[in-house]
Protein backbone atom coordinates (compact mmCIF):
# COMPACT_ATOMS: atom_id res chain seq x y z
CA MET A 1 0.00 0.00 0.00
CA PRO A 2 1.47 3.42 -0.91
CA ARG A 3 2.67 5.55 2.01
CA GLN A 4 4.20 8.97 2.46
CA SER A 5 7.70 9.39 3.83
CA ASN A 6 9.99 12.32 4.51
CA VAL A 7 13.34 11.84 2.78
CA LEU A 8 16.63 12.91 4.33
CA GLU A 9 19.66 12.78 2.04
CA VAL A 10 22.78 11.41 3.73
CA LEU A 11 26.00 12.31 1.92
CA ILE A 12 28.80 9.76 2.32
CA ALA A 13 32.00 11.78 2.06
CA SER A 14 35.55 10.48 1.88
CA PRO A 15 38.76 10.41 -0.14
CA SER A 16 39.38 7.51 -2.52
CA ASP A 17 41.24 5.20 -0.11
CA VAL A 18 38.20 3.88 1.80
CA PRO A 19 35.81 2.15 -0.65
CA GLN A 20 35.07 -0.63 1.85
CA HIS A 21 34.21 1.85 4.57
CA ARG A 22 31.92 3.77 2.23
CA ASP A 23 30.02 0.54 1.61
CA VAL A 24 29.79 -0.02 5.37
CA LEU A 25 28.23 3.42 5.85
CA GLU A 26 25.69 2.78 3.10
CA ASP A 27 24.80 -0.52 4.78
CA VAL A 28 24.29 1.34 8.08
CA ILE A 29 21.87 3.75 6.35
CA LYS A 30 19.93 0.91 4.73
CA HIS A 31 19.78 -0.93 8.06
CA TRP A 32 18.33 2.18 9.74
CA ASN A 33 15.66 2.34 7.01
CA SER A 34 14.69 -1.31 7.46
CA ILE A 35 14.07 -0.76 11.18
CA ASN A 36 12.71 2.78 11.34
CA SER A 37 11.42 4.03 8.01
CA ARG A 38 7.89 2.65 8.18
CA SER A 39 7.23 3.54 11.83
CA LEU A 40 8.77 7.03 11.73
CA GLY A 41 7.72 8.04 8.22
CA ILE A 42 11.33 8.94 7.40
CA THR A 43 13.56 7.46 4.70
CA LEU A 44 17.32 8.03 4.59
CA LEU A 45 18.71 8.27 1.07
CA PRO A 46 22.44 7.42 0.82
CA VAL A 47 24.19 9.79 -1.60
CA ARG A 48 27.59 8.95 -3.14
CA TRP A 49 29.48 10.89 -5.77
CA GLU A 50 30.30 7.72 -7.72
CA THR A 51 26.63 6.82 -8.18
CA ASP A 52 24.74 10.11 -7.91
CA SER A 53 26.86 12.72 -9.72
CA TYR A 54 26.73 13.29 -13.48
CA PRO A 55 28.98 14.89 -16.15
CA GLN A 56 28.83 18.67 -16.21
CA ALA A 57 31.05 21.62 -17.19
CA GLY A 58 31.39 25.29 -16.36
CA ASP A 59 33.02 25.40 -12.93
CA ARG A 60 35.49 23.72 -10.60
CA PRO A 61 34.76 19.99 -10.37
CA GLN A 62 34.09 20.24 -6.64
CA ALA A 63 31.86 23.28 -7.12
CA LEU A 64 29.79 21.23 -9.56
CA LEU A 65 29.56 18.38 -7.06
CA ASN A 66 28.52 20.86 -4.40
CA ARG A 67 25.58 22.00 -6.53
CA GLN A 68 24.63 18.49 -7.59
CA LEU A 69 24.91 16.74 -4.24
CA VAL A 70 26.19 18.71 -1.28
CA GLN A 71 23.68 21.57 -1.27
CA HIS A 72 20.77 19.11 -1.23
CA GLY A 73 22.16 16.98 1.61
CA ASP A 74 20.71 16.90 5.10
CA ILE A 75 23.38 14.84 6.92
CA LEU A 76 27.04 14.21 6.09
CA ILE A 77 28.93 11.13 7.26
CA GLY A 78 32.64 11.26 6.46
CA VAL A 79 35.38 8.67 6.81
CA PHE A 80 39.19 8.97 6.51
CA TRP A 81 42.12 6.57 6.68
CA HIS A 82 45.48 7.59 5.22
CA LYS A 83 44.50 10.18 2.59
CA LEU A 84 43.02 13.67 2.79
CA GLY A 85 42.44 14.06 -0.93
CA THR A 86 43.24 16.55 -3.70
CA PRO A 87 43.12 20.31 -3.01
CA THR A 88 40.18 22.04 -4.70
CA GLY A 89 41.46 25.61 -4.80
CA LYS A 90 39.11 26.44 -1.95
CA ALA A 91 39.84 23.69 0.60
CA PRO A 92 42.57 21.10 1.33
CA SER A 93 40.47 18.45 -0.42
CA GLY A 94 37.07 17.78 -1.92
CA THR A 95 35.95 15.97 1.23
CA ALA A 96 37.16 18.86 3.40
CA GLU A 97 35.22 21.32 1.22
CA GLU A 98 32.06 19.25 1.51
CA ILE A 99 32.44 19.23 5.29
CA ASP A 100 32.97 23.00 5.29
CA GLU A 101 29.81 23.52 3.21
CA PHE A 102 27.73 21.45 5.61
CA ARG A 103 29.11 23.19 8.67
CA LYS A 104 28.51 26.65 7.20
CA ALA A 105 24.91 25.65 6.51
CA GLY A 106 24.48 24.41 10.08
CA LYS A 107 23.86 20.83 8.95
CA PRO A 108 25.06 17.83 11.00
CA VAL A 109 28.44 16.27 10.22
CA ALA A 110 29.70 12.96 11.66
CA LEU A 111 33.34 12.06 11.01
CA TYR A 112 35.18 8.78 11.53
CA PHE A 113 38.96 8.30 11.35
CA CYS A 114 40.41 4.85 10.75
CA GLU A 115 43.45 4.05 12.92
CA ALA A 116 44.31 0.72 11.29
CA PRO A 117 47.90 0.32 10.06
CA VAL A 118 48.37 2.18 6.78
CA PRO A 119 49.38 0.35 3.58
CA PHE A 120 53.09 -0.04 2.83
CA ASP A 121 52.72 2.00 -0.38
CA HIS A 122 50.82 4.92 1.19
CA ASP A 123 51.64 8.52 0.29
CA PRO A 124 53.48 10.10 3.26
CA LYS A 125 52.46 13.60 2.15
CA GLN A 126 48.78 12.63 2.12
CA LEU A 127 49.12 11.05 5.55
CA GLU A 128 50.75 14.21 6.92
CA ASP A 129 48.05 16.40 5.36
CA LEU A 130 45.38 14.23 6.96
CA LYS A 131 47.10 14.46 10.34
CA ASN A 132 47.17 18.25 10.12
CA TYR A 133 43.54 18.39 9.05
CA ARG A 134 42.47 16.16 11.91
CA GLU A 135 44.37 18.34 14.38
CA SER A 136 42.66 21.45 12.97
CA LEU A 137 39.28 19.98 13.92
CA GLN A 138 40.09 19.30 17.55
CA SER A 139 39.21 22.75 18.87
CA ASP A 140 35.53 22.61 17.87
CA PHE A 141 34.68 19.12 16.64
CA LEU A 142 33.92 15.77 18.23
CA TYR A 143 34.80 12.83 15.96
CA SER A 144 35.18 9.07 16.41
CA THR A 145 37.97 6.63 15.64
CA PHE A 146 37.89 2.96 14.71
CA THR A 147 40.20 0.17 13.59
CA THR A 148 38.03 -2.36 11.75
CA ALA A 149 35.06 -2.18 9.43
CA GLU A 150 32.98 -3.95 12.09
CA GLN A 151 33.79 -1.22 14.61
CA LEU A 152 32.79 1.46 12.09
CA TRP A 153 29.46 -0.31 11.53
CA GLN A 154 28.79 -0.47 15.27
CA LEU A 155 29.71 3.18 15.85
CA ALA A 156 27.74 4.57 12.92
CA SER A 157 24.72 2.37 13.72
CA THR A 158 24.72 3.79 17.25
CA HIS A 159 25.21 7.40 16.19
CA LEU A 160 22.87 7.62 13.21
CA PRO A 161 19.55 7.33 15.14
CA LYS A 162 20.68 10.15 17.43
CA ILE A 163 21.63 12.35 14.46
CA VAL A 164 18.29 11.72 12.72
CA HIS A 165 16.47 12.54 15.96
CA GLU A 166 18.30 15.88 16.20
CA VAL A 167 17.52 16.73 12.57
CA THR A 168 13.82 15.93 12.89
CA LYS A 169 13.58 17.77 16.22
CA ALA A 170 15.13 20.89 14.67
CA SER A 171 12.76 20.63 11.69
CA ALA A 172 9.71 20.32 13.95
CA LYS A 173 10.83 23.33 15.99
CA SER A 174 11.25 25.38 12.81
CA ASN A 175 7.77 24.39 11.59
CA ASP A 176 6.21 25.36 14.94
CA SER A 177 7.94 28.74 14.79
CA ASN A 178 6.63 29.38 11.27
CA LYS A 179 3.09 28.47 12.32
CA GLU A 180 3.29 30.81 15.31
CA GLY A 181 4.48 33.66 13.10
CA LEU A 182 1.64 33.06 10.63
CA SER A 183 -0.91 33.03 13.46
CA GLN A 184 0.40 36.33 14.85
CA SER A 185 0.33 37.89 11.36
CA ARG A 186 -3.30 36.85 10.82
CA SER A 187 -4.26 38.24 14.24
CA LEU A 188 -2.65 41.59 13.42
CA ASP A 189 -4.32 41.68 10.01
CA SER A 190 -7.72 41.11 11.63
CA HIS A 191 -7.08 43.99 14.03
CA TRP A 192 -6.27 46.34 11.17
CA VAL A 193 -9.42 45.33 9.27
CA SER A 194 -11.63 45.83 12.34
CA PHE A 195 -10.10 49.27 12.96
CA HIS A 196 -10.48 50.55 9.40
CA ARG A 197 -13.39 48.67 7.82
CA ASN A 198 -15.66 51.75 8.07
CA ARG A 199 -13.12 53.99 6.38
CA VAL A 200 -13.07 52.23 3.00
CA LEU A 201 -14.64 54.93 0.83
CA ALA A 202 -12.96 54.46 -2.56
CA ALA A 203 -14.93 53.02 -5.47
CA GLY A 204 -14.13 49.43 -6.23
CA THR A 205 -13.41 48.42 -2.64
CA LYS A 206 -15.38 46.28 -0.25
CA VAL A 207 -15.01 44.29 2.96
CA ASN A 208 -15.57 40.66 2.03
CA HIS A 209 -17.01 37.87 4.14
CA THR A 210 -13.57 36.96 5.50
CA GLY A 211 -13.06 40.49 6.82
CA PHE A 212 -10.44 41.47 4.26
CA VAL A 213 -10.69 44.74 2.39
CA GLU A 214 -10.74 43.90 -1.31
CA ILE A 215 -9.41 46.19 -4.01
CA VAL A 216 -10.77 44.97 -7.31
CA SER A 217 -9.21 47.40 -9.74
CA MET A 218 -6.08 49.46 -10.23
CA LEU A 219 -8.30 52.57 -10.29
CA ALA A 220 -9.56 51.71 -6.79
CA MET A 221 -5.98 51.35 -5.60
CA ARG A 222 -5.12 54.82 -6.94
CA GLU A 223 -8.29 56.40 -5.53
CA LEU A 224 -7.65 55.01 -2.10
CA LYS A 225 -4.19 56.51 -2.07
CA ALA A 226 -5.26 59.83 -3.57
CA LYS A 227 -8.37 60.47 -1.46
CA HIS A 228 -7.20 59.16 1.88
CA GLY A 229 -3.41 59.08 1.73
CA PHE A 230 -3.39 55.45 2.74
CA LEU A 231 -0.93 52.86 1.53
CA VAL A 232 -2.11 49.28 1.62
CA ARG A 233 -0.72 45.95 2.72
CA ALA A 234 -1.52 42.81 0.74
CA VAL A 235 -2.77 39.73 2.56
CA GLN A 236 -2.86 36.25 1.07
CA THR A 237 -6.29 35.09 0.00
CA SER A 238 -7.62 32.67 -2.58
CA ASN A 239 -11.14 33.93 -3.37
CA LEU A 240 -10.41 37.02 -5.48
CA HIS A 241 -9.86 35.64 -8.95
CA HIS A 242 -13.47 36.28 -10.03
CA PHE A 243 -13.03 39.99 -9.22
CA GLY A 244 -10.39 40.26 -11.93
CA TRP A 245 -7.73 41.70 -9.60
CA PRO A 246 -5.50 39.50 -7.41
CA PHE A 247 -5.34 41.79 -4.39
CA ALA A 248 -6.71 41.46 -0.89
CA VAL A 249 -5.58 44.24 1.41
CA VAL A 250 -6.03 45.73 4.82
CA LEU A 251 -5.51 49.37 5.62
CA ASN A 252 -2.69 49.90 8.05
CA ASN A 253 -3.16 52.05 11.13
CA ASN A 254 -0.22 54.19 10.18
CA SER A 255 0.67 55.95 6.95
CA ARG A 256 3.53 53.68 5.88
CA CYS A 257 3.05 50.17 4.62
CA THR A 258 3.98 48.22 1.49
CA SER A 259 1.74 46.42 -0.95
CA GLN A 260 2.36 43.27 -2.96
CA THR A 261 0.60 41.00 -5.40
CA ASN A 262 -0.43 37.56 -4.16
CA ASN A 263 1.06 34.57 -5.97
């Protein structure tokens, strides 16, 4: 049976030296979905550059990836081992730039550093760059370390539900705030209408059944301004199309207010 679900995009970020660990993180995301998606109405969508990006030109490669993937992400999970990656011109590596973009946007970032022995043929410069990057995070970042793929799975499986909870809690708080603001705006609009409904004297205006002052022609708008010196404030409404003019307004109780057309 079809059901609705809120989708959160989870970007898996890393240099090229951890393909196995990237697969582990995707498995963690899919495991979370199998347990929680139906009951919570939330689906986590794993996003990986190797499967979700596409050919494009016109900017830095990482800037293109940012527009394609990073800007749409809700959660970033990053993993490092012995490489930092290639500098982008803006950050020490593509992964580092993706992390910076998420942090600037106030989105959650979870990082994991592998402390298993590095391969014999590793790049010492990359390892040193990664060490410096990791040290740069220590002043304002809490990350986790692991040695085996099994440990990474256990850590990420423990952390991911907590991260999703924080994201959904922040989203619910934002929605409540928007609803409160809309309620206050409607209350203020009603006050203005009540105060001025008897002062609507221009031709082509009326107080409709919802209490809004309707201006049904451009001429009425001009008359109202010319005769009474009032500016008007548009209020969203959906029952004005048959009047031929998409405005519903209330007169403000001071002489300065803006007007706008409803979409």
